[in-house]
């Protein structure tokens, strides 16, 4: 991530008041902001120029926000942060499952939104950096996790696409192999914020990771659940 003046934010929300509020705040902080009101305008904006992050409302007049997030993720790895009303938290979990990186619940504090945006962008900033240290490649059960290139290669040497949230989660798990990590600690290590009482984002990320690296996700052997506590990564990395 460069300076805020180089960072392009796309705000997708059908409420003009929210669009205006977010645009004024982030432009005041030095970001470049583009606002759209629906799925059609979102597709046009994304095809016109690259963005560094998308702030996506779930309720749009022409398309379901979850479907739009899924559509964006099929063609782009741009970070997505969901904006949602309090009654749509379950939909947020679905949003994380289709590839969104985080969510914030309306009504929100602009400083919180800004902090979440900066956190997501920090996690993305090393994605395109060249490898600086070959020793930062961790190998487990034939898999290769490259922390510098931020890539995961399966035992057949084929890259497995991970969202930023999934990569951060796997990186933390592998580096703490054999150690039981609570959901609260995982939230702090990967998202740099506290977990709310109904926050299922950690479980969602674990479920997605299992589908990508476990032979049988229903009977995981690499990422095991520890009842009432959290998760433990069982393989020993080289």
Protein backbone atom coordinates (compact mmCIF):
# COMPACT_ATOMS: atom_id res chain seq x y z
CA UNK A 1 0.00 0.00 0.00
CA UNK A 2 1.31 3.44 -0.87
CA UNK A 3 0.37 6.69 0.77
CA UNK A 4 -3.36 7.46 1.12
CA UNK A 5 -3.11 9.81 -1.89
CA UNK A 6 -2.26 6.78 -4.03
CA UNK A 7 -4.99 4.57 -2.57
CA UNK A 8 -8.18 4.16 -4.59
CA UNK A 9 -11.38 3.27 -2.69
CA UNK A 10 -14.60 2.15 -4.36
CA UNK A 11 -17.72 2.73 -2.23
CA UNK A 12 -20.78 0.70 -3.28
CA UNK A 13 -23.94 1.77 -1.45
CA UNK A 14 -27.41 2.78 -2.63
CA UNK A 15 -27.82 5.29 0.22
CA UNK A 16 -26.53 8.68 -1.00
CA UNK A 17 -26.01 9.88 2.58
CA UNK A 18 -23.64 7.00 3.35
CA UNK A 19 -21.80 7.46 0.05
CA UNK A 20 -21.36 11.17 0.75
CA UNK A 21 -20.28 10.57 4.35
CA UNK A 22 -17.65 7.98 3.40
CA UNK A 23 -16.41 10.02 0.44
CA UNK A 24 -15.98 13.19 2.50
CA UNK A 25 -14.22 11.37 5.32
CA UNK A 26 -11.77 9.36 3.23
CA UNK A 27 -11.01 12.24 0.86
CA UNK A 28 -10.27 14.38 3.91
CA UNK A 29 -7.83 11.64 4.99
CA UNK A 30 -6.14 11.88 1.59
CA UNK A 31 -7.64 8.88 -0.26
CA UNK A 32 -9.12 8.90 -3.75
CA UNK A 33 -12.76 7.81 -3.56
CA UNK A 34 -15.21 6.68 -6.25
CA UNK A 35 -18.85 6.13 -5.28
CA UNK A 36 -21.45 3.98 -7.07
CA UNK A 37 -25.00 2.99 -6.17
CA UNK A 38 -25.57 -0.47 -7.66
CA UNK A 39 -24.05 -3.59 -9.20
CA UNK A 40 -24.07 -2.29 -12.76
CA UNK A 41 -22.15 0.85 -11.82
CA UNK A 42 -19.75 -1.30 -9.78
CA UNK A 43 -18.85 -3.43 -12.79
CA UNK A 44 -18.31 -0.32 -14.90
CA UNK A 45 -16.09 1.27 -12.26
CA UNK A 46 -13.98 -1.87 -11.79
CA UNK A 47 -13.48 -2.24 -15.54
CA UNK A 48 -12.45 1.42 -15.89
CA UNK A 49 -9.54 1.43 -13.43
CA UNK A 50 -7.94 -0.58 -10.61
CA UNK A 51 -9.01 -0.09 -7.01
CA UNK A 52 -7.17 -0.91 -3.80
CA UNK A 53 -10.29 -1.81 -1.79
CA UNK A 54 -14.07 -2.06 -2.24
CA UNK A 55 -16.51 -1.05 0.52
CA UNK A 56 -19.61 -3.04 -0.40
CA UNK A 57 -23.15 -2.68 0.91
CA UNK A 58 -25.14 -5.93 0.90
CA UNK A 59 -28.48 -4.37 -0.04
CA UNK A 60 -28.41 -2.99 -3.57
CA UNK A 61 -31.35 -2.10 -5.86
CA UNK A 62 -30.34 -4.28 -8.81
CA UNK A 63 -28.30 -7.11 -7.31
CA UNK A 64 -27.72 -8.95 -4.05
CA UNK A 65 -24.47 -7.79 -2.45
CA UNK A 66 -23.35 -11.37 -1.76
CA UNK A 67 -23.73 -12.24 -5.44
CA UNK A 68 -21.79 -9.12 -6.38
CA UNK A 69 -18.99 -10.01 -3.94
CA UNK A 70 -18.83 -13.50 -5.45
CA UNK A 71 -18.73 -12.01 -8.94
CA UNK A 72 -15.92 -9.60 -8.00
CA UNK A 73 -13.89 -12.36 -6.38
CA UNK A 74 -14.13 -14.56 -9.49
CA UNK A 75 -12.27 -11.97 -11.56
CA UNK A 76 -10.25 -9.97 -9.03
CA UNK A 77 -8.37 -10.30 -5.76
CA UNK A 78 -9.19 -6.73 -4.70
CA UNK A 79 -9.92 -6.52 -0.96
CA UNK A 80 -13.62 -6.35 -0.10
CA UNK A 81 -15.06 -4.97 3.13
CA UNK A 82 -18.79 -5.48 3.62
CA UNK A 83 -21.05 -2.75 4.98
CA UNK A 84 -24.19 -4.15 6.56
CA UNK A 85 -27.14 -3.41 8.79
CA UNK A 86 -27.42 -5.10 12.17
CA UNK A 87 -29.99 -7.57 10.86
CA UNK A 88 -27.65 -8.85 8.15
CA UNK A 89 -24.80 -10.26 10.26
CA UNK A 90 -25.57 -13.79 9.06
CA UNK A 91 -25.18 -12.53 5.51
CA UNK A 92 -21.77 -11.16 6.51
CA UNK A 93 -20.65 -14.68 7.34
CA UNK A 94 -21.76 -15.76 3.87
CA UNK A 95 -19.87 -12.78 2.47
CA UNK A 96 -16.69 -13.97 4.19
CA UNK A 97 -17.27 -17.42 2.76
CA UNK A 98 -17.36 -16.07 -0.81
CA UNK A 99 -14.15 -14.12 -0.32
CA UNK A 100 -14.77 -10.83 1.50
CA UNK A 101 -12.01 -9.83 3.90
CA UNK A 102 -13.94 -8.17 6.72
CA UNK A 103 -17.22 -6.46 7.57
CA UNK A 104 -18.49 -3.54 9.59
CA UNK A 105 -22.02 -3.12 10.93
CA UNK A 106 -24.14 0.00 10.40
CA UNK A 107 -24.41 2.42 12.03
CA UNK A 108 -20.63 2.58 12.17
CA UNK A 109 -18.00 5.01 13.40
CA UNK A 110 -15.93 6.39 10.55
CA UNK A 111 -12.74 5.92 12.55
CA UNK A 112 -13.53 2.22 12.90
CA UNK A 113 -14.11 1.90 9.16
CA UNK A 114 -10.82 3.69 8.53
CA UNK A 115 -8.97 1.41 10.95
CA UNK A 116 -10.41 -1.68 9.26
CA UNK A 117 -9.49 -0.35 5.82
CA UNK A 118 -5.90 0.33 6.91
CA UNK A 119 -5.65 -3.12 8.48
CA UNK A 120 -6.83 -4.85 5.28
CA UNK A 121 -4.54 -2.76 3.09
CA UNK A 122 -1.56 -3.55 5.32
CA UNK A 123 -2.23 -7.24 4.87
CA UNK A 124 -2.28 -6.76 1.10
CA UNK A 125 0.75 -4.50 0.79
CA UNK A 126 3.39 -7.26 0.59
CA UNK A 127 1.48 -9.36 -1.93
CA UNK A 128 3.33 -7.97 -4.95
CA UNK A 129 6.72 -7.48 -3.31
CA UNK A 130 9.56 -9.66 -4.62
CA UNK A 131 10.83 -12.44 -2.40
CA UNK A 132 13.50 -11.13 -0.05
CA UNK A 133 14.21 -14.16 2.12
CA UNK A 134 13.97 -17.73 0.78
CA UNK A 135 13.97 -19.06 4.35
CA UNK A 136 10.45 -17.70 4.78
CA UNK A 137 9.02 -20.66 2.85
CA UNK A 138 7.32 -23.11 5.19
CA UNK A 139 6.77 -26.71 4.06
CA UNK A 140 4.19 -29.04 5.60
CA UNK A 141 2.83 -32.33 4.27
CA UNK A 142 4.16 -31.45 0.81
CA UNK A 143 2.52 -27.99 0.83
CA UNK A 144 4.67 -24.84 0.47
CA UNK A 145 3.62 -21.57 2.12
CA UNK A 146 5.71 -18.63 0.85
CA UNK A 147 5.36 -15.68 3.21
CA UNK A 148 7.24 -13.25 0.95
CA UNK A 149 5.39 -14.03 -2.28
CA UNK A 150 2.23 -14.74 -0.27
CA UNK A 151 1.58 -17.92 -2.21
CA UNK A 152 0.45 -21.42 -1.30
CA UNK A 153 1.55 -24.34 -3.49
CA UNK A 154 -0.04 -27.76 -3.11
CA UNK A 155 1.99 -31.02 -3.20
CA UNK A 156 1.65 -31.02 -7.02
CA UNK A 157 3.31 -27.57 -7.10
CA UNK A 158 0.05 -25.91 -8.22
CA UNK A 159 -0.81 -22.58 -6.66
CA UNK A 160 -3.96 -22.55 -4.52
CA UNK A 161 -5.68 -19.17 -4.51
CA UNK A 162 -6.18 -17.71 -1.04
CA UNK A 163 -7.85 -14.49 -0.01
CA UNK A 164 -5.78 -12.21 2.22
CA UNK A 165 -7.76 -13.32 5.26
CA UNK A 166 -7.20 -16.99 4.44
CA UNK A 167 -3.48 -16.47 3.88
CA UNK A 168 -3.08 -14.59 7.17
CA UNK A 169 -5.00 -17.29 9.01
CA UNK A 170 -2.94 -20.14 7.54
CA UNK A 171 0.32 -18.28 8.13
CA UNK A 172 -0.52 -17.76 11.80
CA UNK A 173 -1.62 -21.39 12.22
CA UNK A 174 1.50 -22.84 10.55
CA UNK A 175 3.87 -20.60 12.52
CA UNK A 176 2.17 -21.69 15.73
CA UNK A 177 1.97 -25.40 14.82
CA UNK A 178 1.16 -27.61 17.78
CA UNK A 179 -0.15 -24.70 19.84
CA UNK A 180 -3.85 -24.38 20.59
CA UNK A 181 -4.99 -20.92 19.50
CA UNK A 182 -8.22 -19.47 20.83
CA UNK A 183 -10.65 -17.68 18.53
CA UNK A 184 -9.94 -14.40 20.33
CA UNK A 185 -6.19 -14.78 19.80
CA UNK A 186 -6.68 -15.70 16.14
CA UNK A 187 -8.84 -12.61 15.67
CA UNK A 188 -6.18 -10.44 17.26
CA UNK A 189 -3.33 -11.98 15.22
CA UNK A 190 -5.09 -11.91 11.86
CA UNK A 191 -7.50 -8.98 11.99
CA UNK A 192 -6.00 -6.85 14.77
CA UNK A 193 -9.31 -6.33 16.50
CA UNK A 194 -11.39 -7.93 19.23
CA UNK A 195 -13.98 -10.57 18.46
CA UNK A 196 -17.60 -9.75 19.21
CA UNK A 197 -19.85 -12.23 21.03
CA UNK A 198 -21.54 -13.31 17.78
CA UNK A 199 -18.52 -13.02 15.49
CA UNK A 200 -18.16 -16.18 13.41
CA UNK A 201 -15.56 -14.87 10.99
CA UNK A 202 -12.76 -17.03 12.45
CA UNK A 203 -14.81 -20.22 12.05
CA UNK A 204 -15.72 -19.14 8.52
CA UNK A 205 -12.08 -18.63 7.53
CA UNK A 206 -11.12 -21.99 9.06
CA UNK A 207 -13.91 -23.71 7.15
CA UNK A 208 -12.75 -22.16 3.87
CA UNK A 209 -9.13 -23.14 4.54
CA UNK A 210 -10.12 -26.71 5.28
CA UNK A 211 -11.92 -26.96 1.96
CA UNK A 212 -8.71 -25.90 0.23
CA UNK A 213 -6.02 -27.89 2.07
CA UNK A 214 -7.67 -30.88 3.72
CA UNK A 215 -8.15 -34.18 1.90
CA UNK A 216 -11.49 -34.55 3.69
CA UNK A 217 -12.69 -31.20 5.09
CA UNK A 218 -15.35 -33.00 7.13
CA UNK A 219 -12.60 -34.95 8.93
CA UNK A 220 -9.73 -32.46 9.06
CA UNK A 221 -6.26 -33.69 9.94
CA UNK A 222 -4.22 -30.50 9.52
CA UNK A 223 -6.46 -27.93 11.25
CA UNK A 224 -8.19 -29.57 14.20
CA UNK A 225 -10.85 -28.09 16.42
CA UNK A 226 -10.31 -27.93 20.15
CA UNK A 227 -13.73 -27.93 21.72
CA UNK A 228 -14.72 -24.70 23.48
CA UNK A 229 -11.26 -23.23 22.86
CA UNK A 230 -10.22 -22.81 19.24
CA UNK A 231 -7.97 -24.57 16.74
CA UNK A 232 -4.59 -26.25 16.45
CA UNK A 233 -2.42 -26.87 13.38
CA UNK A 234 -1.09 -30.41 13.68
CA UNK A 235 1.54 -30.69 10.92
CA UNK A 236 5.11 -29.71 11.77
CA UNK A 237 6.48 -27.24 9.23
CA UNK A 238 10.02 -27.46 7.90
